[in-house]
C-alpha atoms as a PDB file:
ATOM      1  CA  UNK A   1     -46.464   1.909 -58.334  1.00  0.00           C
ATOM      2  CA  UNK A   2     -48.825   2.402 -55.881  1.00  0.00           C
ATOM      3  CA  UNK A   3     -46.878   0.373 -53.334  1.00  0.00           C
ATOM      4  CA  UNK A   4     -43.687   2.427 -53.828  1.00  0.00           C
ATOM      5  CA  UNK A   5     -45.600   5.654 -53.109  1.00  0.00           C
ATOM      6  CA  UNK A   6     -47.336   5.028 -50.243  1.00  0.00           C
ATOM      7  CA  UNK A   7     -43.951   3.565 -48.487  1.00  0.00           C
ATOM      8  CA  UNK A   8     -42.174   6.858 -50.459  1.00  0.00           C
ATOM      9  CA  UNK A   9     -45.101   9.175 -48.475  1.00  0.00           C
ATOM     10  CA  UNK A  10     -43.952   7.157 -45.610  1.00  0.00           C
ATOM     11  CA  UNK A  11     -40.910   8.900 -45.625  1.00  0.00           C
ATOM     12  CA  UNK A  12     -42.012  12.788 -45.605  1.00  0.00           C
ATOM     13  CA  UNK A  13     -45.216  12.076 -43.407  1.00  0.00           C
ATOM     14  CA  UNK A  14     -43.018  11.921 -40.002  1.00  0.00           C
ATOM     15  CA  UNK A  15     -41.852  16.040 -41.492  1.00  0.00           C
ATOM     16  CA  UNK A  16     -45.928  16.969 -42.160  1.00  0.00           C
ATOM     17  CA  UNK A  17     -46.715  15.691 -39.038  1.00  0.00           C
ATOM     18  CA  UNK A  18     -44.190  17.425 -37.212  1.00  0.00           C
ATOM     19  CA  UNK A  19     -45.651  21.090 -38.109  1.00  0.00           C
ATOM     20  CA  UNK A  20     -49.565  19.624 -37.550  1.00  0.00           C
ATOM     21  CA  UNK A  21     -50.633  18.159 -40.986  1.00  0.00           C
ATOM     22  CA  UNK A  22     -50.909  14.415 -42.512  1.00  0.00           C
ATOM     23  CA  UNK A  23     -51.251  13.460 -46.687  1.00  0.00           C
ATOM     24  CA  UNK A  24     -53.740  10.599 -47.510  1.00  0.00           C
ATOM     25  CA  UNK A  25     -52.851   9.666 -50.752  1.00  0.00           C
ATOM     26  CA  UNK A  26     -56.001   8.989 -52.934  1.00  0.00           C
ATOM     27  CA  UNK A  27     -54.877   7.340 -56.111  1.00  0.00           C
ATOM     28  CA  UNK A  28     -52.354   6.487 -57.928  1.00  0.00           C
ATOM     29  CA  UNK A  29     -52.912   5.984 -61.783  1.00  0.00           C
ATOM     30  CA  UNK A  30     -50.837   4.497 -64.856  1.00  0.00           C
ATOM     31  CA  UNK A  31     -49.651   7.809 -66.296  1.00  0.00           C
ATOM     32  CA  UNK A  32     -47.943   8.244 -62.810  1.00  0.00           C
ATOM     33  CA  UNK A  33     -49.971  10.979 -61.622  1.00  0.00           C
ATOM     34  CA  UNK A  34     -50.587  10.692 -57.419  1.00  0.00           C
ATOM     35  CA  UNK A  35     -53.458  12.238 -56.056  1.00  0.00           C
ATOM     36  CA  UNK A  36     -53.278  13.194 -52.235  1.00  0.00           C
ATOM     37  CA  UNK A  37     -55.106  14.656 -50.020  1.00  0.00           C
ATOM     38  CA  UNK A  38     -53.200  17.771 -47.342  1.00  0.00           C
ATOM     39  CA  UNK A  39     -54.587  16.705 -43.858  1.00  0.00           C
ATOM     40  CA  UNK A  40     -54.301  19.043 -40.420  1.00  0.00           C
ATOM     41  CA  UNK A  41     -52.089  22.474 -39.999  1.00  0.00           C
ATOM     42  CA  UNK A  42     -51.369  21.466 -44.329  1.00  0.00           C
ATOM     43  CA  UNK A  43     -54.777  21.446 -45.826  1.00  0.00           C
ATOM     44  CA  UNK A  44     -55.393  24.959 -44.473  1.00  0.00           C
ATOM     45  CA  UNK A  45     -51.661  26.632 -44.667  1.00  0.00           C
ATOM     46  CA  UNK A  46     -50.820  29.388 -47.483  1.00  0.00           C
ATOM     47  CA  UNK A  47     -47.868  27.627 -48.555  1.00  0.00           C
ATOM     48  CA  UNK A  48     -49.288  24.209 -49.332  1.00  0.00           C
ATOM     49  CA  UNK A  49     -48.428  24.691 -52.797  1.00  0.00           C
ATOM     50  CA  UNK A  50     -44.985  24.660 -52.053  1.00  0.00           C
ATOM     51  CA  UNK A  51     -45.224  21.717 -49.820  1.00  0.00           C
ATOM     52  CA  UNK A  52     -46.834  20.244 -52.336  1.00  0.00           C
ATOM     53  CA  UNK A  53     -44.868  20.969 -55.136  1.00  0.00           C
ATOM     54  CA  UNK A  54     -41.353  20.754 -53.757  1.00  0.00           C
ATOM     55  CA  UNK A  55     -41.598  18.492 -51.088  1.00  0.00           C
ATOM     56  CA  UNK A  56     -44.342  16.023 -51.550  1.00  0.00           C
ATOM     57  CA  UNK A  57     -43.344  16.226 -55.280  1.00  0.00           C
ATOM     58  CA  UNK A  58     -39.859  16.345 -55.517  1.00  0.00           C
ATOM     59  CA  UNK A  59     -40.284  13.744 -52.668  1.00  0.00           C
ATOM     60  CA  UNK A  60     -42.092  10.933 -54.465  1.00  0.00           C
ATOM     61  CA  UNK A  61     -40.529  11.912 -57.828  1.00  0.00           C
ATOM     62  CA  UNK A  62     -36.534  10.599 -56.493  1.00  0.00           C
ATOM     63  CA  UNK A  63     -37.751   7.115 -54.675  1.00  0.00           C
ATOM     64  CA  UNK A  64     -41.133   6.322 -57.531  1.00  0.00           C
ATOM     65  CA  UNK A  65     -39.260   8.043 -61.272  1.00  0.00           C
ATOM     66  CA  UNK A  66     -42.444   6.590 -62.593  1.00  0.00           C
ATOM     67  CA  UNK A  67     -44.380   9.476 -60.939  1.00  0.00           C
ATOM     68  CA  UNK A  68     -45.258  12.599 -63.130  1.00  0.00           C
ATOM     69  CA  UNK A  69     -47.336  14.637 -61.113  1.00  0.00           C
ATOM     70  CA  UNK A  70     -48.430  14.968 -58.066  1.00  0.00           C
ATOM     71  CA  UNK A  71     -51.601  17.170 -57.293  1.00  0.00           C
ATOM     72  CA  UNK A  72     -54.271  18.140 -54.705  1.00  0.00           C
ATOM     73  CA  UNK A  73     -57.845  17.081 -53.449  1.00  0.00           C
END
């Protein structure tokens, strides 16, 4: 599943990079929880929670149905 998650992240990464940010996959658990680290501007943005839940999580769930949740560290 990690490979699918990495591929999905690669498709949304350009949008984050356009705003000066990036994303790194830290862990993909068997129960579908994906842990990521938001980098650059995304790491300090007050809207990062919204980006994570309504952007990254939604996109990952659409592309990788096994994903149950995305959390940031």
